[in-house]
Amino acid sequence: IFVHIGLPFAVSAQLAMESAKKNPHFQSVMSKYPDVDPASLAWRVDADTWTDKELDVFVGSSGFLKPKVKKAAVPPPSQ
């Protein structure tokens, strides 16, 4: 069994794909690529936050081109 981020790979891959399906652009982008099986792509858990363009490039490249990881917003220091 492969382990990815402390979870069995199949479990973490399933969680990542569920995250991708929450993306508001998921259905429209996937409809552009009817021959691409979403389960065959190596989704990241942050896929629900990707823009339409980021998702399109990822799916269109069969998962080869991934968006850069976005840094978490840092709250301003309290004074």
N, C-alpha and C. Protein backbone atom coordinates (compact mmCIF):
# COMPACT_ATOMS: atom_id res chain seq x y z
N ILE A 1 0.86 -1.18 0.00
CA ILE A 1 0.00 0.00 0.00
C ILE A 1 0.89 1.23 0.00
N PHE A 2 0.55 2.18 -0.86
CA PHE A 2 1.28 3.45 -0.88
C PHE A 2 0.65 4.37 0.15
N VAL A 3 1.50 5.15 0.83
CA VAL A 3 1.00 6.10 1.82
C VAL A 3 1.28 7.50 1.32
N HIS A 4 0.28 8.36 1.40
CA HIS A 4 0.39 9.74 0.93
C HIS A 4 -0.19 10.63 2.02
N ILE A 5 0.60 11.50 2.58
CA ILE A 5 0.20 12.40 3.65
C ILE A 5 -0.45 11.64 4.80
N GLY A 6 0.14 10.51 5.14
CA GLY A 6 -0.34 9.78 6.29
C GLY A 6 -1.59 8.94 6.05
N LEU A 7 -2.15 8.98 4.86
CA LEU A 7 -3.33 8.19 4.53
C LEU A 7 -2.98 7.18 3.46
N PRO A 8 -3.66 6.06 3.40
CA PRO A 8 -3.45 5.17 2.26
C PRO A 8 -3.75 5.94 0.98
N PHE A 9 -2.95 5.74 -0.06
CA PHE A 9 -3.06 6.54 -1.28
C PHE A 9 -4.47 6.54 -1.86
N ALA A 10 -5.14 5.39 -1.88
CA ALA A 10 -6.49 5.32 -2.46
C ALA A 10 -7.46 6.21 -1.70
N VAL A 11 -7.31 6.29 -0.37
CA VAL A 11 -8.20 7.12 0.43
C VAL A 11 -7.91 8.60 0.16
N SER A 12 -6.65 9.01 0.16
CA SER A 12 -6.34 10.42 -0.06
C SER A 12 -6.68 10.84 -1.48
N ALA A 13 -6.52 9.96 -2.46
CA ALA A 13 -6.90 10.27 -3.84
C ALA A 13 -8.40 10.47 -3.94
N GLN A 14 -9.17 9.66 -3.24
CA GLN A 14 -10.63 9.79 -3.25
C GLN A 14 -11.04 11.11 -2.61
N LEU A 15 -10.41 11.48 -1.50
CA LEU A 15 -10.72 12.75 -0.84
C LEU A 15 -10.39 13.93 -1.74
N ALA A 16 -9.27 13.85 -2.45
CA ALA A 16 -8.88 14.93 -3.35
C ALA A 16 -9.87 15.07 -4.49
N MET A 17 -10.35 13.96 -5.05
CA MET A 17 -11.31 14.03 -6.14
C MET A 17 -12.64 14.60 -5.64
N GLU A 18 -13.04 14.25 -4.43
CA GLU A 18 -14.27 14.82 -3.86
C GLU A 18 -14.13 16.33 -3.70
N SER A 19 -12.93 16.78 -3.33
CA SER A 19 -12.67 18.21 -3.23
C SER A 19 -12.82 18.88 -4.59
N ALA A 20 -12.27 18.24 -5.62
CA ALA A 20 -12.36 18.80 -6.97
C ALA A 20 -13.81 18.93 -7.42
N LYS A 21 -14.63 17.97 -7.08
CA LYS A 21 -16.04 18.00 -7.49
C LYS A 21 -16.80 19.15 -6.84
N LYS A 22 -16.26 19.70 -5.75
CA LYS A 22 -16.90 20.85 -5.08
C LYS A 22 -16.57 22.16 -5.80
N ASN A 23 -15.62 22.12 -6.71
CA ASN A 23 -15.24 23.33 -7.46
C ASN A 23 -16.42 23.74 -8.35
N PRO A 24 -16.83 25.01 -8.31
CA PRO A 24 -17.98 25.44 -9.11
C PRO A 24 -17.76 25.31 -10.62
N HIS A 25 -16.52 25.18 -11.05
CA HIS A 25 -16.20 25.08 -12.48
C HIS A 25 -16.05 23.62 -12.94
N PHE A 26 -16.13 22.68 -12.01
CA PHE A 26 -15.83 21.27 -12.31
C PHE A 26 -16.66 20.74 -13.48
N GLN A 27 -17.96 20.86 -13.42
CA GLN A 27 -18.82 20.27 -14.46
C GLN A 27 -18.59 20.91 -15.82
N SER A 28 -18.46 22.24 -15.86
CA SER A 28 -18.27 22.90 -17.16
C SER A 28 -16.93 22.54 -17.79
N VAL A 29 -15.89 22.44 -16.97
CA VAL A 29 -14.57 22.07 -17.51
C VAL A 29 -14.57 20.61 -17.96
N MET A 30 -15.12 19.73 -17.14
CA MET A 30 -15.13 18.31 -17.51
C MET A 30 -15.95 18.08 -18.78
N SER A 31 -16.97 18.89 -19.02
CA SER A 31 -17.78 18.72 -20.24
C SER A 31 -16.97 19.05 -21.50
N LYS A 32 -15.90 19.82 -21.35
CA LYS A 32 -15.03 20.14 -22.50
C LYS A 32 -14.15 18.95 -22.87
N TYR A 33 -13.96 18.03 -21.93
CA TYR A 33 -13.05 16.90 -22.12
C TYR A 33 -13.79 15.58 -21.83
N PRO A 34 -14.72 15.21 -22.72
CA PRO A 34 -15.54 14.02 -22.44
C PRO A 34 -14.75 12.71 -22.38
N ASP A 35 -13.56 12.68 -22.96
CA ASP A 35 -12.76 11.45 -22.95
C ASP A 35 -11.87 11.33 -21.72
N VAL A 36 -11.88 12.35 -20.86
CA VAL A 36 -11.04 12.32 -19.65
C VAL A 36 -11.87 11.79 -18.49
N ASP A 37 -11.38 10.74 -17.86
CA ASP A 37 -12.01 10.18 -16.67
C ASP A 37 -11.44 10.92 -15.46
N PRO A 38 -12.27 11.66 -14.71
CA PRO A 38 -11.75 12.41 -13.57
C PRO A 38 -11.04 11.53 -12.55
N ALA A 39 -11.43 10.28 -12.44
CA ALA A 39 -10.80 9.37 -11.48
C ALA A 39 -9.37 9.02 -11.89
N SER A 40 -9.02 9.26 -13.15
CA SER A 40 -7.67 8.93 -13.62
C SER A 40 -6.66 10.05 -13.35
N LEU A 41 -7.14 11.19 -12.88
CA LEU A 41 -6.26 12.34 -12.65
C LEU A 41 -5.79 12.38 -11.20
N ALA A 42 -4.59 12.89 -10.99
CA ALA A 42 -4.01 13.01 -9.65
C ALA A 42 -4.41 14.35 -9.04
N TRP A 43 -5.62 14.41 -8.51
CA TRP A 43 -6.16 15.64 -7.94
C TRP A 43 -5.44 15.99 -6.65
N ARG A 44 -5.36 17.28 -6.38
CA ARG A 44 -4.87 17.75 -5.08
C ARG A 44 -6.08 18.14 -4.24
N VAL A 45 -5.91 18.14 -2.93
CA VAL A 45 -7.04 18.46 -2.05
C VAL A 45 -7.48 19.93 -2.16
N ASP A 46 -6.65 20.79 -2.72
CA ASP A 46 -7.04 22.19 -2.88
C ASP A 46 -7.73 22.46 -4.22
N ALA A 47 -8.09 21.43 -4.96
CA ALA A 47 -8.70 21.59 -6.28
C ALA A 47 -10.02 22.34 -6.23
N ASP A 48 -10.67 22.35 -5.09
CA ASP A 48 -11.93 23.08 -4.97
C ASP A 48 -11.75 24.58 -5.03
N THR A 49 -10.50 25.06 -4.88
CA THR A 49 -10.23 26.50 -4.90
C THR A 49 -9.64 26.97 -6.23
N TRP A 50 -9.40 26.05 -7.16
CA TRP A 50 -8.80 26.43 -8.43
C TRP A 50 -9.74 27.27 -9.27
N THR A 51 -9.16 28.19 -10.03
CA THR A 51 -9.96 29.00 -10.95
C THR A 51 -10.38 28.15 -12.14
N ASP A 52 -11.27 28.70 -12.93
CA ASP A 52 -11.72 28.03 -14.15
C ASP A 52 -10.53 27.72 -15.05
N LYS A 53 -9.63 28.68 -15.21
CA LYS A 53 -8.46 28.50 -16.07
C LYS A 53 -7.52 27.43 -15.50
N GLU A 54 -7.27 27.47 -14.20
CA GLU A 54 -6.39 26.47 -13.58
C GLU A 54 -6.95 25.06 -13.75
N LEU A 55 -8.23 24.92 -13.55
CA LEU A 55 -8.88 23.62 -13.69
C LEU A 55 -8.84 23.16 -15.14
N ASP A 56 -9.08 24.07 -16.07
CA ASP A 56 -9.06 23.75 -17.50
C ASP A 56 -7.67 23.28 -17.94
N VAL A 57 -6.64 23.97 -17.50
CA VAL A 57 -5.26 23.59 -17.86
C VAL A 57 -4.92 22.23 -17.27
N PHE A 58 -5.31 21.99 -16.03
CA PHE A 58 -5.03 20.71 -15.36
C PHE A 58 -5.71 19.56 -16.10
N VAL A 59 -7.00 19.69 -16.35
CA VAL A 59 -7.73 18.60 -17.02
C VAL A 59 -7.28 18.46 -18.47
N GLY A 60 -7.08 19.58 -19.16
CA GLY A 60 -6.66 19.54 -20.56
C GLY A 60 -5.28 18.93 -20.76
N SER A 61 -4.45 18.99 -19.72
CA SER A 61 -3.11 18.39 -19.81
C SER A 61 -3.10 16.98 -19.21
N SER A 62 -4.27 16.43 -18.95
CA SER A 62 -4.40 15.11 -18.31
C SER A 62 -3.71 15.06 -16.95
N GLY A 63 -3.74 16.19 -16.24
CA GLY A 63 -3.17 16.25 -14.91
C GLY A 63 -1.69 16.55 -14.86
N PHE A 64 -1.06 16.74 -16.03
CA PHE A 64 0.38 17.00 -16.05
C PHE A 64 0.72 18.38 -15.51
N LEU A 65 -0.05 19.40 -15.91
CA LEU A 65 0.20 20.77 -15.47
C LEU A 65 -0.71 21.09 -14.29
N LYS A 66 -0.09 21.34 -13.14
CA LYS A 66 -0.84 21.62 -11.92
C LYS A 66 -0.66 23.08 -11.52
N PRO A 67 -1.71 23.70 -10.97
CA PRO A 67 -1.56 25.08 -10.49
C PRO A 67 -0.55 25.16 -9.34
N LYS A 68 0.05 26.31 -9.21
CA LYS A 68 0.95 26.51 -8.07
C LYS A 68 0.13 26.47 -6.80
N VAL A 69 0.74 26.00 -5.74
CA VAL A 69 0.08 25.96 -4.43
C VAL A 69 -0.03 27.38 -3.92
N LYS A 70 -1.24 27.77 -3.54
CA LYS A 70 -1.46 29.12 -3.03
C LYS A 70 -1.11 29.17 -1.56
N LYS A 71 -0.43 30.24 -1.18
CA LYS A 71 -0.10 30.42 0.24
C LYS A 71 -1.36 30.84 0.99
N ALA A 72 -1.48 30.37 2.20
CA ALA A 72 -2.62 30.75 3.04
C ALA A 72 -2.51 32.22 3.38
N ALA A 73 -3.65 32.88 3.42
CA ALA A 73 -3.67 34.30 3.77
C ALA A 73 -3.22 34.46 5.21
N VAL A 74 -2.32 35.40 5.42
CA VAL A 74 -1.82 35.67 6.76
C VAL A 74 -2.57 36.88 7.30
N PRO A 75 -3.24 36.72 8.43
CA PRO A 75 -3.97 37.87 8.99
C PRO A 75 -3.01 38.97 9.41
N PRO A 76 -3.44 40.23 9.29
CA PRO A 76 -2.55 41.31 9.71
C PRO A 76 -2.30 41.23 11.22
N PRO A 77 -1.12 41.64 11.64
CA PRO A 77 -0.82 41.58 13.10
C PRO A 77 -1.76 42.49 13.86
N SER A 78 -2.25 42.01 14.99
CA SER A 78 -3.12 42.83 15.83
C SER A 78 -2.28 43.81 16.63
N GLN A 79 -2.82 44.99 16.78
CA GLN A 79 -2.04 46.04 17.46
C GLN A 79 -2.67 46.40 18.77
